């Protein structure tokens, strides 16, 4: 009987300890849930899309901005893989060639943060140019388990840069078409012909047309017109 009573006491004590641990576990779980909700609330206030992507390209976490960008706020089904959500591609980006550079692949190769630019499609189909910042995510053993990826819309900045480069190119093209005659030109004092680089004498209009993009049309000025009229009148008088 004494052994039985001792066993009962041990069982009761073990049960009490188990209930205590269970209560503590429930308390820890509640604290974890509160911490998770607090973290989610903070990260959802970030305007840029933020995702956590596993090494298999599966999206493990996304903030509100990422969900809206990729799926739309009305859709509650999270995308499975980043290449499908961002590029509408069936397979990972790097399987299609070197471009675009896959942030996950690059971080896997180097183990270091990586910044690149991609063209991503919004949930409404609009294509945007985004700057991606990918940081490695390690577990307690130091093994890479994925990346934390943030995307910033730089479409307007890129379009402005492209317009600026186009303007510069147009200006350079215009300048290349402007040919300026420089140096000393030898001209005949009598007939006004110009001697070219080969030593040949050319008319002024031929020389200028050869050395520039100027084209001549011919007319007669008022002074010459008077001379012509005078000469004609003199001939008639004779």
Protein backbone atom coordinates (compact mmCIF):
# COMPACT_ATOMS: atom_id res chain seq x y z
CA UNK A 1 0.00 0.00 0.00
CA UNK A 2 2.80 2.32 0.78
CA UNK A 3 4.31 1.71 -2.65
CA UNK A 4 0.95 2.26 -4.26
CA UNK A 5 0.45 5.55 -2.39
CA UNK A 6 3.95 6.63 -3.41
CA UNK A 7 3.21 5.79 -7.01
CA UNK A 8 -0.04 7.75 -6.88
CA UNK A 9 1.74 10.74 -5.40
CA UNK A 10 4.37 10.53 -8.14
CA UNK A 11 1.72 10.37 -10.82
CA UNK A 12 -0.14 13.32 -9.33
CA UNK A 13 3.08 15.32 -9.11
CA UNK A 14 4.01 14.38 -12.67
CA UNK A 15 0.56 15.41 -13.85
CA UNK A 16 0.85 18.70 -12.00
CA UNK A 17 4.21 19.39 -13.61
CA UNK A 18 2.81 18.43 -17.02
CA UNK A 19 -0.09 20.84 -16.58
CA UNK A 20 2.31 23.56 -15.53
CA UNK A 21 4.50 22.98 -18.60
CA UNK A 22 1.42 22.95 -20.80
CA UNK A 23 0.28 26.27 -19.35
CA UNK A 24 3.74 27.73 -19.87
CA UNK A 25 3.75 26.40 -23.42
CA UNK A 26 0.39 27.98 -24.09
CA UNK A 27 1.72 31.23 -22.71
CA UNK A 28 4.81 31.00 -24.94
CA UNK A 29 2.64 30.20 -27.94
CA UNK A 30 0.47 33.22 -27.21
CA UNK A 31 3.58 35.37 -26.92
CA UNK A 32 4.89 34.01 -30.20
CA UNK A 33 1.58 34.70 -31.89
CA UNK A 34 1.59 38.26 -30.55
CA UNK A 35 5.17 38.73 -31.71
CA UNK A 36 4.26 37.38 -35.13
CA UNK A 37 1.26 39.71 -35.42
CA UNK A 38 3.41 42.64 -34.31
CA UNK A 39 6.08 41.77 -36.88
CA UNK A 40 3.46 41.32 -39.62
CA UNK A 41 1.93 44.69 -38.75
CA UNK A 42 5.32 46.40 -39.00
CA UNK A 43 6.35 44.72 -42.25
CA UNK A 44 2.95 45.40 -43.85
CA UNK A 45 3.54 49.13 -43.39
CA UNK A 46 6.60 48.95 -45.65
CA UNK A 47 5.60 50.29 -49.07
CA UNK A 48 8.03 48.16 -51.07
CA UNK A 49 7.20 44.49 -51.71
CA UNK A 50 9.18 42.20 -49.37
CA UNK A 51 9.30 38.42 -49.68
CA UNK A 52 11.19 35.54 -48.14
CA UNK A 53 12.09 32.96 -50.78
CA UNK A 54 13.34 29.45 -50.02
CA UNK A 55 16.21 27.82 -51.91
CA UNK A 56 13.61 25.96 -53.99
CA UNK A 57 12.22 29.33 -55.19
CA UNK A 58 9.08 28.86 -53.10
CA UNK A 59 7.75 32.03 -51.47
CA UNK A 60 7.63 31.47 -47.71
CA UNK A 61 6.49 34.92 -46.62
CA UNK A 62 5.29 38.19 -48.15
CA UNK A 63 4.16 41.53 -46.84
CA UNK A 64 0.99 43.30 -47.90
CA UNK A 65 2.72 45.28 -50.66
CA UNK A 66 4.16 42.09 -52.17
CA UNK A 67 0.79 40.36 -52.07
CA UNK A 68 -0.89 43.32 -53.78
CA UNK A 69 1.88 43.57 -56.39
CA UNK A 70 1.90 39.88 -57.31
CA UNK A 71 -1.64 38.70 -56.66
CA UNK A 72 -3.86 41.70 -55.93
CA UNK A 73 -5.45 42.39 -52.56
CA UNK A 74 -8.66 40.59 -53.50
CA UNK A 75 -6.82 37.33 -54.12
CA UNK A 76 -5.91 35.34 -51.02
CA UNK A 77 -4.10 32.50 -52.77
CA UNK A 78 -0.40 33.06 -52.31
CA UNK A 79 1.83 32.39 -55.32
CA UNK A 80 3.92 29.27 -55.02
CA UNK A 81 7.17 30.22 -56.77
CA UNK A 82 8.84 33.60 -57.25
CA UNK A 83 9.53 33.03 -60.96
CA UNK A 84 5.83 32.42 -61.52
CA UNK A 85 4.72 35.38 -59.41
CA UNK A 86 7.26 37.90 -60.74
CA UNK A 87 7.83 36.83 -64.34
CA UNK A 88 4.96 34.46 -65.16
CA UNK A 89 7.58 31.84 -65.97
CA UNK A 90 7.01 28.14 -65.47
CA UNK A 91 10.60 27.42 -64.41
CA UNK A 92 13.25 29.33 -62.41
CA UNK A 93 14.73 32.38 -64.15
CA UNK A 94 18.27 31.03 -64.42
CA UNK A 95 17.08 28.06 -66.49
CA UNK A 96 16.21 30.45 -69.32
CA UNK A 97 19.74 31.84 -69.66
CA UNK A 98 22.02 34.38 -68.00
CA UNK A 99 19.43 37.17 -68.14
CA UNK A 100 17.75 38.23 -66.03
CA UNK A 101 20.18 37.49 -63.20
CA UNK A 102 18.38 35.44 -60.56
CA UNK A 103 18.93 36.98 -57.09
CA UNK A 104 18.47 33.61 -55.37
CA UNK A 105 20.97 31.90 -57.68
CA UNK A 106 23.49 34.71 -57.22
CA UNK A 107 23.21 34.65 -53.42
CA UNK A 108 23.54 30.87 -53.47
CA UNK A 109 26.79 31.20 -55.43
CA UNK A 110 28.33 33.95 -53.32
CA UNK A 111 26.60 33.82 -49.96
CA UNK A 112 26.53 37.62 -50.06
CA UNK A 113 23.85 40.28 -50.62
CA UNK A 114 23.11 41.05 -54.26
CA UNK A 115 21.46 43.97 -56.07
CA UNK A 116 20.07 43.77 -59.61
CA UNK A 117 17.27 45.05 -61.85
CA UNK A 118 14.38 43.00 -63.20
CA UNK A 119 11.22 43.56 -65.19
CA UNK A 120 8.32 42.32 -63.06
CA UNK A 121 4.64 42.14 -63.87
CA UNK A 122 2.03 43.45 -61.48
CA UNK A 123 -1.13 41.53 -60.80
CA UNK A 124 -2.94 43.79 -63.31
CA UNK A 125 -0.46 42.88 -66.06
CA UNK A 126 1.53 46.13 -66.04
CA UNK A 127 5.27 45.60 -66.47
CA UNK A 128 7.54 47.59 -64.18
CA UNK A 129 11.29 47.89 -63.78
CA UNK A 130 12.29 47.12 -60.20
CA UNK A 131 15.53 47.21 -58.29
CA UNK A 132 15.92 44.03 -56.24
CA UNK A 133 17.95 43.80 -53.04
CA UNK A 134 18.49 40.19 -52.02
CA UNK A 135 20.05 39.27 -48.67
CA UNK A 136 21.01 35.73 -47.64
CA UNK A 137 18.97 34.02 -44.94
CA UNK A 138 20.83 31.47 -42.80
CA UNK A 139 19.61 28.97 -40.21
CA UNK A 140 21.19 28.40 -36.78
CA UNK A 141 23.83 26.12 -38.33
CA UNK A 142 24.86 28.77 -40.83
CA UNK A 143 23.34 26.99 -43.79
CA UNK A 144 21.63 29.08 -46.47
CA UNK A 145 17.89 28.47 -46.43
CA UNK A 146 16.78 31.27 -48.73
CA UNK A 147 16.82 35.01 -49.31
CA UNK A 148 15.01 38.08 -48.07
CA UNK A 149 14.08 40.02 -51.20
CA UNK A 150 12.84 43.60 -51.42
CA UNK A 151 11.75 45.23 -54.69
CA UNK A 152 11.68 48.96 -55.40
CA UNK A 153 9.91 50.41 -58.43
CA UNK A 154 12.42 52.42 -60.53
CA UNK A 155 10.39 52.54 -63.75
CA UNK A 156 10.07 56.34 -63.85
CA UNK A 157 13.75 56.81 -63.04
CA UNK A 158 14.79 54.39 -65.80
CA UNK A 159 12.49 56.04 -68.32
CA UNK A 160 13.92 59.44 -67.41
CA UNK A 161 17.45 58.08 -67.81
CA UNK A 162 16.54 56.56 -71.19
CA UNK A 163 15.01 59.83 -72.36
CA UNK A 164 18.11 61.70 -71.22
CA UNK A 165 20.40 59.26 -73.05
CA UNK A 166 18.24 59.50 -76.17
CA UNK A 167 18.42 63.29 -76.04
CA UNK A 168 22.20 63.15 -75.70
CA UNK A 169 22.38 60.71 -78.61
CA UNK A 170 20.17 62.96 -80.74
CA UNK A 171 22.32 65.97 -79.91
CA UNK A 172 25.49 64.08 -80.75
CA UNK A 173 23.95 62.95 -84.02
CA UNK A 174 22.95 66.52 -84.82
CA UNK A 175 26.43 67.79 -84.00
CA UNK A 176 27.98 65.11 -86.19
CA UNK A 177 25.91 66.44 -89.10
CA UNK A 178 27.17 69.99 -88.63
CA UNK A 179 30.37 70.35 -90.64
CA UNK A 180 32.32 73.55 -90.13
CA UNK A 181 34.82 74.71 -92.74
CA UNK A 182 38.03 75.73 -91.01
CA UNK A 183 41.49 76.86 -92.00
CA UNK A 184 42.81 79.01 -94.85
CA UNK A 185 41.06 78.59 -98.19
CA UNK A 186 42.89 79.62 -101.37
CA UNK A 187 40.61 81.62 -103.69
CA UNK A 188 41.34 83.10 -107.10
CA UNK A 189 41.27 86.90 -106.92
CA UNK A 190 39.75 87.11 -110.40
CA UNK A 191 37.25 84.30 -110.97
CA UNK A 192 36.68 83.51 -107.27
CA UNK A 193 37.27 79.77 -107.72
CA UNK A 194 38.66 77.84 -104.76
CA UNK A 195 41.61 75.46 -104.87
CA UNK A 196 40.78 72.13 -103.22
CA UNK A 197 43.07 69.66 -101.40
CA UNK A 198 44.14 68.11 -104.74
CA UNK A 199 45.21 71.48 -106.13
CA UNK A 200 42.28 71.67 -108.52
CA UNK A 201 40.21 74.81 -108.92
CA UNK A 202 36.49 74.53 -108.18
CA UNK A 203 33.63 76.97 -108.14
CA UNK A 204 32.60 78.24 -104.72
CA UNK A 205 29.30 76.34 -104.72
CA UNK A 206 30.97 73.06 -105.76
CA UNK A 207 33.62 73.41 -103.06
CA UNK A 208 31.11 74.14 -100.30
CA UNK A 209 28.79 71.32 -101.38
CA UNK A 210 31.75 68.89 -101.31
CA UNK A 211 32.87 69.95 -97.86
CA UNK A 212 29.50 70.33 -96.16
CA UNK A 213 25.88 69.24 -96.37
CA UNK A 214 24.86 72.51 -98.00
CA UNK A 215 23.07 72.35 -101.35
CA UNK A 216 22.78 75.38 -103.64
CA UNK A 217 19.96 76.67 -105.77
CA UNK A 218 20.63 79.51 -108.18
CA UNK A 219 18.86 82.79 -108.66
CA UNK A 220 19.85 86.40 -109.40
CA UNK A 221 20.19 89.28 -106.97
CA UNK A 222 18.82 92.78 -107.55
CA UNK A 223 22.24 94.30 -108.28
CA UNK A 224 23.04 91.71 -110.91
CA UNK A 225 19.56 92.06 -112.31
CA UNK A 226 20.21 95.78 -112.85
CA UNK A 227 23.52 94.98 -114.56
CA UNK A 228 21.82 92.47 -116.84
CA UNK A 229 19.09 94.96 -117.72
CA UNK A 230 21.70 97.64 -118.44
CA UNK A 231 23.67 95.31 -120.67
CA UNK A 232 20.52 94.34 -122.54
CA UNK A 233 19.57 97.97 -123.05
CA UNK A 234 23.10 98.74 -124.34
CA UNK A 235 22.84 95.89 -126.84
CA UNK A 236 19.50 97.11 -128.03
CA UNK A 237 20.82 100.63 -128.56
CA UNK A 238 23.62 99.29 -130.71
